[in-house]
Amino acid sequence: MATQTINGVEVEISIISSQPTGDSRLSPRELWTVEAVDQVLRKNPQFQARYPGAVLSRVESLRDLGEGEKGRYYLRYQVGEGATEFWGYLAPRPRLDFKRGLVGVVPSDAPPV
């Protein structure tokens, strides 16, 4: 299992694709998106209250899904003895559906290609 640093934390990375490329790390654009999703969650008061001390432990990139499809990026957080998960994607406008675990981030600030 590959690891990669996301917002200062070493995280397990899994690239899932029907056409394996040998990549075991997130591309710069994928990394930007996952970091943005993580930042949205960490700044959210509901996330902070419900999951104090949550640590991002695993990310999966489902490359067969388009960047704008809900579920493209899977983020798993360790919380004490348990875990929680959210699904990130690129969206036309910011979105956080806490109940469904969906986080849409806008590709602003020219994310890498």
PDB file of N, CA and C in Angstrom:
ATOM      1  N   MET A   1       0.845  -1.183   0.000  1.00  0.00           N
ATOM      2  CA  MET A   1       0.000   0.000   0.000  1.00  0.00           C
ATOM      3  C   MET A   1       0.887   1.241   0.000  1.00  0.00           C
ATOM      4  N   ALA A   2       0.602   2.145  -0.897  1.00  0.00           N
ATOM      5  CA  ALA A   2       1.355   3.391  -0.985  1.00  0.00           C
ATOM      6  C   ALA A   2       0.853   4.375   0.071  1.00  0.00           C
ATOM      7  N   THR A   3       1.712   5.316   0.416  1.00  0.00           N
ATOM      8  CA  THR A   3       1.306   6.397   1.310  1.00  0.00           C
ATOM      9  C   THR A   3       1.659   7.722   0.655  1.00  0.00           C
ATOM     10  N   GLN A   4       0.976   8.755   1.095  1.00  0.00           N
ATOM     11  CA  GLN A   4       1.208  10.089   0.567  1.00  0.00           C
ATOM     12  C   GLN A   4       0.820  11.085   1.655  1.00  0.00           C
ATOM     13  N   THR A   5       1.489  12.228   1.679  1.00  0.00           N
ATOM     14  CA  THR A   5       1.188  13.251   2.670  1.00  0.00           C
ATOM     15  C   THR A   5       0.047  14.124   2.175  1.00  0.00           C
ATOM     16  N   ILE A   6      -0.996  14.218   2.996  1.00  0.00           N
ATOM     17  CA  ILE A   6      -2.166  15.034   2.678  1.00  0.00           C
ATOM     18  C   ILE A   6      -2.388  15.983   3.846  1.00  0.00           C
ATOM     19  N   ASN A   7      -2.262  17.270   3.581  1.00  0.00           N
ATOM     20  CA  ASN A   7      -2.408  18.292   4.620  1.00  0.00           C
ATOM     21  C   ASN A   7      -1.557  17.965   5.846  1.00  0.00           C
ATOM     22  N   GLY A   8      -0.328  17.507   5.600  1.00  0.00           N
ATOM     23  CA  GLY A   8       0.628  17.261   6.668  1.00  0.00           C
ATOM     24  C   GLY A   8       0.511  15.913   7.362  1.00  0.00           C
ATOM     25  N   VAL A   9      -0.395  15.049   6.894  1.00  0.00           N
ATOM     26  CA  VAL A   9      -0.608  13.738   7.518  1.00  0.00           C
ATOM     27  C   VAL A   9      -0.276  12.640   6.511  1.00  0.00           C
ATOM     28  N   GLU A  10       0.490  11.641   6.942  1.00  0.00           N
ATOM     29  CA  GLU A  10       0.809  10.495   6.085  1.00  0.00           C
ATOM     30  C   GLU A  10      -0.422   9.591   6.015  1.00  0.00           C
ATOM     31  N   VAL A  11      -0.906   9.332   4.787  1.00  0.00           N
ATOM     32  CA  VAL A  11      -2.178   8.639   4.572  1.00  0.00           C
ATOM     33  C   VAL A  11      -1.978   7.481   3.601  1.00  0.00           C
ATOM     34  N   GLU A  12      -2.660   6.348   3.840  1.00  0.00           N
ATOM     35  CA  GLU A  12      -2.663   5.235   2.883  1.00  0.00           C
ATOM     36  C   GLU A  12      -3.420   5.668   1.633  1.00  0.00           C
ATOM     37  N   ILE A  13      -2.883   5.308   0.471  1.00  0.00           N
ATOM     38  CA  ILE A  13      -3.497   5.673  -0.806  1.00  0.00           C
ATOM     39  C   ILE A  13      -3.793   4.408  -1.597  1.00  0.00           C
ATOM     40  N   SER A  14      -4.976   4.374  -2.187  1.00  0.00           N
ATOM     41  CA  SER A  14      -5.338   3.279  -3.078  1.00  0.00           C
ATOM     42  C   SER A  14      -5.926   3.873  -4.355  1.00  0.00           C
ATOM     43  N   ILE A  15      -5.348   3.510  -5.487  1.00  0.00           N
ATOM     44  CA  ILE A  15      -5.852   3.941  -6.788  1.00  0.00           C
ATOM     45  C   ILE A  15      -6.637   2.769  -7.368  1.00  0.00           C
ATOM     46  N   ILE A  16      -7.907   3.000  -7.662  1.00  0.00           N
ATOM     47  CA  ILE A  16      -8.771   1.942  -8.174  1.00  0.00           C
ATOM     48  C   ILE A  16      -9.192   2.304  -9.593  1.00  0.00           C
ATOM     49  N   SER A  17      -8.858   1.424 -10.538  1.00  0.00           N
ATOM     50  CA  SER A  17      -9.165   1.678 -11.943  1.00  0.00           C
ATOM     51  C   SER A  17      -9.277   0.358 -12.685  1.00  0.00           C
ATOM     52  N   SER A  18     -10.153   0.324 -13.684  1.00  0.00           N
ATOM     53  CA  SER A  18     -10.282  -0.888 -14.500  1.00  0.00           C
ATOM     54  C   SER A  18      -9.116  -1.017 -15.474  1.00  0.00           C
ATOM     55  N   GLN A  19      -8.383   0.075 -15.667  1.00  0.00           N
ATOM     56  CA  GLN A  19      -7.215   0.069 -16.545  1.00  0.00           C
ATOM     57  C   GLN A  19      -5.995   0.491 -15.735  1.00  0.00           C
ATOM     58  N   PRO A  20      -5.394  -0.450 -15.026  1.00  0.00           N
ATOM     59  CA  PRO A  20      -4.251  -0.116 -14.166  1.00  0.00           C
ATOM     60  C   PRO A  20      -3.121   0.565 -14.943  1.00  0.00           C
ATOM     61  N   THR A  21      -2.600   1.618 -14.349  1.00  0.00           N
ATOM     62  CA  THR A  21      -1.493   2.348 -14.971  1.00  0.00           C
ATOM     63  C   THR A  21      -0.200   2.150 -14.198  1.00  0.00           C
ATOM     64  N   GLY A  22      -0.286   1.492 -13.078  1.00  0.00           N
ATOM     65  CA  GLY A  22       0.892   1.333 -12.236  1.00  0.00           C
ATOM     66  C   GLY A  22       1.035   2.469 -11.242  1.00  0.00           C
ATOM     67  N   ASP A  23       0.168   3.495 -11.355  1.00  0.00           N
ATOM     68  CA  ASP A  23       0.209   4.602 -10.405  1.00  0.00           C
ATOM     69  C   ASP A  23      -0.211   4.107  -9.031  1.00  0.00           C
ATOM     70  N   SER A  24       0.537   4.501  -8.034  1.00  0.00           N
ATOM     71  CA  SER A  24       0.152   4.153  -6.673  1.00  0.00           C
ATOM     72  C   SER A  24      -0.015   5.411  -5.825  1.00  0.00           C
ATOM     73  N   ARG A  25       0.113   6.569  -6.480  1.00  0.00           N
ATOM     74  CA  ARG A  25      -0.017   7.848  -5.781  1.00  0.00           C
ATOM     75  C   ARG A  25      -1.052   8.706  -6.488  1.00  0.00           C
ATOM     76  N   LEU A  26      -1.598   9.649  -5.744  1.00  0.00           N
ATOM     77  CA  LEU A  26      -2.541  10.589  -6.331  1.00  0.00           C
ATOM     78  C   LEU A  26      -1.806  11.527  -7.280  1.00  0.00           C
ATOM     79  N   SER A  27      -2.453  11.881  -8.370  1.00  0.00           N
ATOM     80  CA  SER A  27      -1.894  12.885  -9.277  1.00  0.00           C
ATOM     81  C   SER A  27      -1.973  14.242  -8.574  1.00  0.00           C
ATOM     82  N   PRO A  28      -1.262  15.260  -9.070  1.00  0.00           N
ATOM     83  CA  PRO A  28      -1.350  16.581  -8.438  1.00  0.00           C
ATOM     84  C   PRO A  28      -2.790  17.105  -8.351  1.00  0.00           C
ATOM     85  N   ARG A  29      -3.576  16.886  -9.388  1.00  0.00           N
ATOM     86  CA  ARG A  29      -4.971  17.352  -9.368  1.00  0.00           C
ATOM     87  C   ARG A  29      -5.801  16.564  -8.342  1.00  0.00           C
ATOM     88  N   GLU A  30      -5.597  15.255  -8.283  1.00  0.00           N
ATOM     89  CA  GLU A  30      -6.308  14.442  -7.292  1.00  0.00           C
ATOM     90  C   GLU A  30      -5.910  14.864  -5.878  1.00  0.00           C
ATOM     91  N   LEU A  31      -4.630  15.092  -5.678  1.00  0.00           N
ATOM     92  CA  LEU A  31      -4.138  15.519  -4.370  1.00  0.00           C
ATOM     93  C   LEU A  31      -4.775  16.845  -3.969  1.00  0.00           C
ATOM     94  N   TRP A  32      -4.830  17.795  -4.899  1.00  0.00           N
ATOM     95  CA  TRP A  32      -5.452  19.091  -4.621  1.00  0.00           C
ATOM     96  C   TRP A  32      -6.899  18.892  -4.182  1.00  0.00           C
ATOM     97  N   THR A  33      -7.630  18.051  -4.908  1.00  0.00           N
ATOM     98  CA  THR A  33      -9.046  17.830  -4.607  1.00  0.00           C
ATOM     99  C   THR A  33      -9.226  17.203  -3.228  1.00  0.00           C
ATOM    100  N   VAL A  34      -8.459  16.172  -2.935  1.00  0.00           N
ATOM    101  CA  VAL A  34      -8.577  15.493  -1.642  1.00  0.00           C
ATOM    102  C   VAL A  34      -8.191  16.442  -0.504  1.00  0.00           C
ATOM    103  N   GLU A  35      -7.146  17.230  -0.691  1.00  0.00           N
ATOM    104  CA  GLU A  35      -6.763  18.199   0.337  1.00  0.00           C
ATOM    105  C   GLU A  35      -7.878  19.212   0.559  1.00  0.00           C
ATOM    106  N   ALA A  36      -8.522  19.660  -0.515  1.00  0.00           N
ATOM    107  CA  ALA A  36      -9.619  20.623  -0.394  1.00  0.00           C
ATOM    108  C   ALA A  36     -10.804  20.014   0.358  1.00  0.00           C
ATOM    109  N   VAL A  37     -11.149  18.772   0.044  1.00  0.00           N
ATOM    110  CA  VAL A  37     -12.244  18.088   0.745  1.00  0.00           C
ATOM    111  C   VAL A  37     -11.912  17.967   2.234  1.00  0.00           C
ATOM    112  N   ASP A  38     -10.703  17.553   2.543  1.00  0.00           N
ATOM    113  CA  ASP A  38     -10.271  17.409   3.935  1.00  0.00           C
ATOM    114  C   ASP A  38     -10.351  18.749   4.666  1.00  0.00           C
ATOM    115  N   GLN A  39      -9.938  19.824   4.014  1.00  0.00           N
ATOM    116  CA  GLN A  39      -9.977  21.148   4.640  1.00  0.00           C
ATOM    117  C   GLN A  39     -11.409  21.601   4.906  1.00  0.00           C
ATOM    118  N   VAL A  40     -12.317  21.331   3.964  1.00  0.00           N
ATOM    119  CA  VAL A  40     -13.731  21.680   4.168  1.00  0.00           C
ATOM    120  C   VAL A  40     -14.256  20.979   5.421  1.00  0.00           C
ATOM    121  N   LEU A  41     -13.964  19.697   5.533  1.00  0.00           N
ATOM    122  CA  LEU A  41     -14.442  18.943   6.696  1.00  0.00           C
ATOM    123  C   LEU A  41     -13.822  19.456   7.988  1.00  0.00           C
ATOM    124  N   ARG A  42     -12.530  19.690   7.992  1.00  0.00           N
ATOM    125  CA  ARG A  42     -11.848  20.115   9.223  1.00  0.00           C
ATOM    126  C   ARG A  42     -12.319  21.487   9.702  1.00  0.00           C
ATOM    127  N   LYS A  43     -12.773  22.336   8.787  1.00  0.00           N
ATOM    128  CA  LYS A  43     -13.264  23.668   9.156  1.00  0.00           C
ATOM    129  C   LYS A  43     -14.734  23.649   9.562  1.00  0.00           C
ATOM    130  N   ASN A  44     -15.424  22.547   9.345  1.00  0.00           N
ATOM    131  CA  ASN A  44     -16.854  22.461   9.606  1.00  0.00           C
ATOM    132  C   ASN A  44     -17.121  22.193  11.092  1.00  0.00           C
ATOM    133  N   PRO A  45     -17.897  23.063  11.760  1.00  0.00           N
ATOM    134  CA  PRO A  45     -18.167  22.886  13.190  1.00  0.00           C
ATOM    135  C   PRO A  45     -18.859  21.552  13.513  1.00  0.00           C
ATOM    136  N   GLN A  46     -19.743  21.101  12.636  1.00  0.00           N
ATOM    137  CA  GLN A  46     -20.438  19.830  12.873  1.00  0.00           C
ATOM    138  C   GLN A  46     -19.449  18.661  12.838  1.00  0.00           C
ATOM    139  N   PHE A  47     -18.519  18.682  11.898  1.00  0.00           N
ATOM    140  CA  PHE A  47     -17.501  17.636  11.809  1.00  0.00           C
ATOM    141  C   PHE A  47     -16.622  17.658  13.060  1.00  0.00           C
ATOM    142  N   GLN A  48     -16.208  18.861  13.458  1.00  0.00           N
ATOM    143  CA  GLN A  48     -15.354  19.003  14.640  1.00  0.00           C
ATOM    144  C   GLN A  48     -16.038  18.479  15.899  1.00  0.00           C
ATOM    145  N   ALA A  49     -17.332  18.780  16.041  1.00  0.00           N
ATOM    146  CA  ALA A  49     -18.069  18.355  17.234  1.00  0.00           C
ATOM    147  C   ALA A  49     -18.331  16.849  17.234  1.00  0.00           C
ATOM    148  N   ARG A  50     -18.657  16.322  16.085  1.00  0.00           N
ATOM    149  CA  ARG A  50     -19.028  14.905  16.002  1.00  0.00           C
ATOM    150  C   ARG A  50     -17.820  13.970  15.980  1.00  0.00           C
ATOM    151  N   TYR A  51     -16.714  14.447  15.392  1.00  0.00           N
ATOM    152  CA  TYR A  51     -15.530  13.600  15.236  1.00  0.00           C
ATOM    153  C   TYR A  51     -14.277  14.284  15.783  1.00  0.00           C
ATOM    154  N   PRO A  52     -14.271  14.621  17.072  1.00  0.00           N
ATOM    155  CA  PRO A  52     -13.089  15.288  17.626  1.00  0.00           C
ATOM    156  C   PRO A  52     -11.859  14.389  17.519  1.00  0.00           C
ATOM    157  N   GLY A  53     -10.777  14.967  17.098  1.00  0.00           N
ATOM    158  CA  GLY A  53      -9.531  14.211  16.977  1.00  0.00           C
ATOM    159  C   GLY A  53      -9.474  13.288  15.778  1.00  0.00           C
ATOM    160  N   ALA A  54     -10.409  13.441  14.832  1.00  0.00           N
ATOM    161  CA  ALA A  54     -10.419  12.582  13.639  1.00  0.00           C
ATOM    162  C   ALA A  54      -9.118  12.745  12.863  1.00  0.00           C
ATOM    163  N   VAL A  55      -8.572  11.607  12.416  1.00  0.00           N
ATOM    164  CA  VAL A  55      -7.326  11.603  11.654  1.00  0.00           C
ATOM    165  C   VAL A  55      -7.576  10.923  10.313  1.00  0.00           C
ATOM    166  N   LEU A  56      -7.272  11.619   9.235  1.00  0.00           N
ATOM    167  CA  LEU A  56      -7.408  11.030   7.903  1.00  0.00           C
ATOM    168  C   LEU A  56      -6.432   9.870   7.800  1.00  0.00           C
ATOM    169  N   SER A  57      -6.949   8.674   7.493  1.00  0.00           N
ATOM    170  CA  SER A  57      -6.089   7.491   7.482  1.00  0.00           C
ATOM    171  C   SER A  57      -5.994   6.812   6.121  1.00  0.00           C
ATOM    172  N   ARG A  58      -6.999   7.007   5.261  1.00  0.00           N
ATOM    173  CA  ARG A  58      -6.998   6.313   3.969  1.00  0.00           C
ATOM    174  C   ARG A  58      -7.765   7.131   2.942  1.00  0.00           C
ATOM    175  N   VAL A  59      -7.248   7.116   1.709  1.00  0.00           N
ATOM    176  CA  VAL A  59      -7.914   7.759   0.575  1.00  0.00           C
ATOM    177  C   VAL A  59      -7.914   6.783  -0.584  1.00  0.00           C
ATOM    178  N   GLU A  60      -9.055   6.692  -1.253  1.00  0.00           N
ATOM    179  CA  GLU A  60      -9.148   5.904  -2.476  1.00  0.00           C
ATOM    180  C   GLU A  60      -9.602   6.825  -3.597  1.00  0.00           C
ATOM    181  N   SER A  61      -8.959   6.701  -4.745  1.00  0.00           N
ATOM    182  CA  SER A  61      -9.374   7.435  -5.937  1.00  0.00           C
ATOM    183  C   SER A  61      -9.955   6.425  -6.912  1.00  0.00           C
ATOM    184  N   LEU A  62     -11.235   6.544  -7.186  1.00  0.00           N
ATOM    185  CA  LEU A  62     -11.920   5.649  -8.114  1.00  0.00           C
ATOM    186  C   LEU A  62     -11.857   6.285  -9.500  1.00  0.00           C
ATOM    187  N   ARG A  63     -10.799   6.017 -10.211  1.00  0.00           N
ATOM    188  CA  ARG A  63     -10.517   6.705 -11.464  1.00  0.00           C
ATOM    189  C   ARG A  63     -11.489   6.393 -12.597  1.00  0.00           C
ATOM    190  N   ASP A  64     -12.295   5.348 -12.457  1.00  0.00           N
ATOM    191  CA  ASP A  64     -13.292   5.071 -13.490  1.00  0.00           C
ATOM    192  C   ASP A  64     -14.473   6.036 -13.403  1.00  0.00           C
ATOM    193  N   LEU A  65     -14.585   6.755 -12.291  1.00  0.00           N
ATOM    194  CA  LEU A  65     -15.619   7.771 -12.143  1.00  0.00           C
ATOM    195  C   LEU A  65     -15.053   9.118 -12.569  1.00  0.00           C
ATOM    196  N   GLY A  66     -15.890   9.957 -13.141  1.00  0.00           N
ATOM    197  CA  GLY A  66     -15.466  11.307 -13.494  1.00  0.00           C
ATOM    198  C   GLY A  66     -15.213  12.130 -12.242  1.00  0.00           C
ATOM    199  N   GLU A  67     -14.415  13.179 -12.385  1.00  0.00           N
ATOM    200  CA  GLU A  67     -14.075  14.016 -11.226  1.00  0.00           C
ATOM    201  C   GLU A  67     -15.301  14.631 -10.562  1.00  0.00           C
ATOM    202  N   GLY A  68     -16.338  14.877 -11.345  1.00  0.00           N
ATOM    203  CA  GLY A  68     -17.542  15.497 -10.810  1.00  0.00           C
ATOM    204  C   GLY A  68     -18.577  14.519 -10.294  1.00  0.00           C
ATOM    205  N   GLU A  69     -18.279  13.239 -10.344  1.00  0.00           N
ATOM    206  CA  GLU A  69     -19.242  12.240  -9.864  1.00  0.00           C
ATOM    207  C   GLU A  69     -19.088  12.037  -8.363  1.00  0.00           C
ATOM    208  N   LYS A  70     -20.234  12.033  -7.695  1.00  0.00           N
ATOM    209  CA  LYS A  70     -20.227  11.818  -6.249  1.00  0.00           C
ATOM    210  C   LYS A  70     -19.645  10.442  -5.970  1.00  0.00           C
ATOM    211  N   GLY A  71     -18.659  10.405  -5.109  1.00  0.00           N
ATOM    212  CA  GLY A  71     -18.014   9.143  -4.778  1.00  0.00           C
ATOM    213  C   GLY A  71     -16.671   8.940  -5.449  1.00  0.00           C
ATOM    214  N   ARG A  72     -16.203   9.931  -6.203  1.00  0.00           N
ATOM    215  CA  ARG A  72     -14.904   9.782  -6.884  1.00  0.00           C
ATOM    216  C   ARG A  72     -13.779   9.540  -5.875  1.00  0.00           C
ATOM    217  N   TYR A  73     -13.806  10.282  -4.785  1.00  0.00           N
ATOM    218  CA  TYR A  73     -12.753  10.161  -3.773  1.00  0.00           C
ATOM    219  C   TYR A  73     -13.358   9.694  -2.449  1.00  0.00           C
ATOM    220  N   TYR A  74     -12.776   8.659  -1.885  1.00  0.00           N
ATOM    221  CA  TYR A  74     -13.214   8.105  -0.605  1.00  0.00           C
ATOM    222  C   TYR A  74     -12.196   8.526   0.442  1.00  0.00           C
ATOM    223  N   LEU A  75     -12.653   9.135   1.523  1.00  0.00           N
ATOM    224  CA  LEU A  75     -11.782   9.559   2.613  1.00  0.00           C
ATOM    225  C   LEU A  75     -12.241   8.869   3.895  1.00  0.00           C
ATOM    226  N   ARG A  76     -11.331   8.161   4.526  1.00  0.00           N
ATOM    227  CA  ARG A  76     -11.644   7.441   5.769  1.00  0.00           C
ATOM    228  C   ARG A  76     -10.876   8.101   6.916  1.00  0.00           C
ATOM    229  N   TYR A  77     -11.601   8.408   7.976  1.00  0.00           N
ATOM    230  CA  TYR A  77     -11.024   9.044   9.158  1.00  0.00           C
ATOM    231  C   TYR A  77     -11.108   8.097  10.348  1.00  0.00           C
ATOM    232  N   GLN A  78     -10.008   7.959  11.079  1.00  0.00           N
ATOM    233  CA  GLN A  78     -10.006   7.214  12.335  1.00  0.00           C
ATOM    234  C   GLN A  78     -10.460   8.171  13.431  1.00  0.00           C
ATOM    235  N   VAL A  79     -11.386   7.700  14.235  1.00  0.00           N
ATOM    236  CA  VAL A  79     -11.916   8.500  15.334  1.00  0.00           C
ATOM    237  C   VAL A  79     -11.934   7.611  16.567  1.00  0.00           C
ATOM    238  N   GLY A  80     -10.948   7.779  17.421  1.00  0.00           N
ATOM    239  CA  GLY A  80     -10.849   6.905  18.584  1.00  0.00           C
ATOM    240  C   GLY A  80     -10.733   5.456  18.134  1.00  0.00           C
ATOM    241  N   GLU A  81     -11.626   4.599  18.603  1.00  0.00           N
ATOM    242  CA  GLU A  81     -11.626   3.182  18.230  1.00  0.00           C
ATOM    243  C   GLU A  81     -12.436   2.922  16.961  1.00  0.00           C
ATOM    244  N   GLY A  82     -13.112   3.938  16.464  1.00  0.00           N
ATOM    245  CA  GLY A  82     -13.974   3.764  15.294  1.00  0.00           C
ATOM    246  C   GLY A  82     -13.463   4.510  14.079  1.00  0.00           C
ATOM    247  N   ALA A  83     -14.349   4.648  13.114  1.00  0.00           N
ATOM    248  CA  ALA A  83     -13.992   5.339  11.876  1.00  0.00           C
ATOM    249  C   ALA A  83     -15.237   5.978  11.276  1.00  0.00           C
ATOM    250  N   THR A  84     -15.023   6.941  10.420  1.00  0.00           N
ATOM    251  CA  THR A  84     -16.095   7.534   9.631  1.00  0.00           C
ATOM    252  C   THR A  84     -15.562   7.753   8.230  1.00  0.00           C
ATOM    253  N   GLU A  85     -16.456   7.899   7.273  1.00  0.00           N
ATOM    254  CA  GLU A  85     -16.018   8.065   5.890  1.00  0.00           C
ATOM    255  C   GLU A  85     -16.858   9.115   5.177  1.00  0.00           C
ATOM    256  N   PHE A  86     -16.202   9.776   4.234  1.00  0.00           N
ATOM    257  CA  PHE A  86     -16.849  10.779   3.402  1.00  0.00           C
ATOM    258  C   PHE A  86     -16.427  10.551   1.958  1.00  0.00           C
ATOM    259  N   TRP A  87     -17.232  11.080   1.050  1.00  0.00           N
ATOM    260  CA  TRP A  87     -16.982  10.950  -0.389  1.00  0.00           C
ATOM    261  C   TRP A  87     -16.839  12.349  -0.971  1.00  0.00           C
ATOM    262  N   GLY A  88     -15.721  12.591  -1.665  1.00  0.00           N
ATOM    263  CA  GLY A  88     -15.463  13.897  -2.244  1.00  0.00           C
ATOM    264  C   GLY A  88     -15.541  13.883  -3.755  1.00  0.00           C
ATOM    265  N   TYR A  89     -15.762  15.063  -4.320  1.00  0.00           N
ATOM    266  CA  TYR A  89     -15.832  15.214  -5.774  1.00  0.00           C
ATOM    267  C   TYR A  89     -15.709  16.693  -6.126  1.00  0.00           C
ATOM    268  N   LEU A  90     -15.415  16.980  -7.400  1.00  0.00           N
ATOM    269  CA  LEU A  90     -15.405  18.356  -7.881  1.00  0.00           C
ATOM    270  C   LEU A  90     -16.839  18.748  -8.204  1.00  0.00           C
ATOM    271  N   ALA A  91     -17.226  19.957  -7.816  1.00  0.00           N
ATOM    272  CA  ALA A  91     -18.607  20.402  -7.977  1.00  0.00           C
ATOM    273  C   ALA A  91     -18.654  21.808  -8.570  1.00  0.00           C
ATOM    274  N   PRO A  92     -19.776  22.170  -9.197  1.00  0.00           N
ATOM    275  CA  PRO A  92     -19.900  23.523  -9.740  1.00  0.00           C
ATOM    276  C   PRO A  92     -20.007  24.583  -8.649  1.00  0.00           C
ATOM    277  N   ARG A  93     -20.457  24.170  -7.460  1.00  0.00           N
ATOM    278  CA  ARG A  93     -20.503  25.077  -6.303  1.00  0.00           C
ATOM    279  C   ARG A  93     -20.239  24.240  -5.048  1.00  0.00           C
ATOM    280  N   PRO A  94     -19.729  24.854  -3.995  1.00  0.00           N
ATOM    281  CA  PRO A  94     -19.405  24.104  -2.782  1.00  0.00           C
ATOM    282  C   PRO A  94     -20.637  23.394  -2.221  1.00  0.00           C
ATOM    283  N   ARG A  95     -20.421  22.191  -1.718  1.00  0.00           N
ATOM    284  CA  ARG A  95     -21.537  21.432  -1.151  1.00  0.00           C
ATOM    285  C   ARG A  95     -21.016  20.532  -0.037  1.00  0.00           C
ATOM    286  N   LEU A  96     -21.762  20.506   1.059  1.00  0.00           N
ATOM    287  CA  LEU A  96     -21.470  19.574   2.144  1.00  0.00           C
ATOM    288  C   LEU A  96     -22.794  18.974   2.602  1.00  0.00           C
ATOM    289  N   ASP A  97     -22.991  17.719   2.293  1.00  0.00           N
ATOM    290  CA  ASP A  97     -24.170  16.973   2.732  1.00  0.00           C
ATOM    291  C   ASP A  97     -23.681  16.032   3.823  1.00  0.00           C
ATOM    292  N   PHE A  98     -23.749  16.520   5.047  1.00  0.00           N
ATOM    293  CA  PHE A  98     -23.179  15.786   6.174  1.00  0.00           C
ATOM    294  C   PHE A  98     -23.870  14.445   6.377  1.00  0.00           C
ATOM    295  N   LYS A  99     -25.182  14.425   6.204  1.00  0.00           N
ATOM    296  CA  LYS A  99     -25.951  13.193   6.417  1.00  0.00           C
ATOM    297  C   LYS A  99     -25.539  12.094   5.443  1.00  0.00           C
ATOM    298  N   ARG A 100     -25.314  12.453   4.180  1.00  0.00           N
ATOM    299  CA  ARG A 100     -24.937  11.468   3.163  1.00  0.00           C
ATOM    300  C   ARG A 100     -23.426  11.299   3.046  1.00  0.00           C
ATOM    301  N   GLY A 101     -22.659  12.168   3.712  1.00  0.00           N
ATOM    302  CA  GLY A 101     -21.202  12.055   3.666  1.00  0.00           C
ATOM    303  C   GLY A 101     -20.598  12.523   2.358  1.00  0.00           C
ATOM    304  N   LEU A 102     -21.229  13.519   1.716  1.00  0.00           N
ATOM    305  CA  LEU A 102     -20.756  14.017   0.418  1.00  0.00           C
ATOM    306  C   LEU A 102     -20.177  15.415   0.558  1.00  0.00           C
ATOM    307  N   VAL A 103     -19.013  15.618  -0.059  1.00  0.00           N
ATOM    308  CA  VAL A 103     -18.352  16.920  -0.013  1.00  0.00           C
ATOM    309  C   VAL A 103     -17.949  17.307  -1.433  1.00  0.00           C
ATOM    310  N   GLY A 104     -18.562  18.380  -1.937  1.00  0.00           N
ATOM    311  CA  GLY A 104     -18.215  18.884  -3.262  1.00  0.00           C
ATOM    312  C   GLY A 104     -17.359  20.125  -3.132  1.00  0.00           C
ATOM    313  N   VAL A 105     -16.238  20.147  -3.824  1.00  0.00           N
ATOM    314  CA  VAL A 105     -15.353  21.317  -3.804  1.00  0.00           C
ATOM    315  C   VAL A 105     -15.250  21.884  -5.214  1.00  0.00           C
ATOM    316  N   VAL A 106     -15.117  23.194  -5.288  1.00  0.00           N
ATOM    317  CA  VAL A 106     -15.036  23.892  -6.568  1.00  0.00           C
ATOM    318  C   VAL A 106     -13.582  23.966  -7.000  1.00  0.00           C
ATOM    319  N   PRO A 107     -13.309  23.619  -8.256  1.00  0.00           N
ATOM    320  CA  PRO A 107     -11.914  23.659  -8.724  1.00  0.00           C
ATOM    321  C   PRO A 107     -11.436  25.085  -8.962  1.00  0.00           C
ATOM    322  N   SER A 108     -11.330  25.860  -7.880  1.00  0.00           N
ATOM    323  CA  SER A 108     -10.828  27.224  -7.982  1.00  0.00           C
ATOM    324  C   SER A 108      -9.328  27.224  -7.724  1.00  0.00           C
ATOM    325  N   ASP A 109      -8.731  28.367  -7.807  1.00  0.00           N
ATOM    326  CA  ASP A 109      -7.290  28.502  -7.584  1.00  0.00           C
ATOM    327  C   ASP A 109      -6.486  27.616  -8.529  1.00  0.00           C
ATOM    328  N   ALA A 110      -7.040  27.353  -9.702  1.00  0.00           N
ATOM    329  CA  ALA A 110      -6.360  26.596 -10.764  1.00  0.00           C
ATOM    330  C   ALA A 110      -5.643  25.355 -10.248  1.00  0.00           C
ATOM    331  N   PRO A 111      -6.416  24.317  -9.851  1.00  0.00           N
ATOM    332  CA  PRO A 111      -5.747  23.091  -9.412  1.00  0.00           C
ATOM    333  C   PRO A 111      -4.900  22.521 -10.536  1.00  0.00           C
ATOM    334  N   PRO A 112      -3.831  21.831 -10.207  1.00  0.00           N
ATOM    335  CA  PRO A 112      -2.957  21.260 -11.239  1.00  0.00           C
ATOM    336  C   PRO A 112      -3.710  20.304 -12.154  1.00  0.00           C
ATOM    337  N   VAL A 113      -3.238  20.204 -13.358  1.00  0.00           N
ATOM    338  CA  VAL A 113      -3.852  19.294 -14.332  1.00  0.00           C
ATOM    339  C   VAL A 113      -3.206  17.934 -14.235  1.00  0.00           C
TER     340      VAL A 113
END
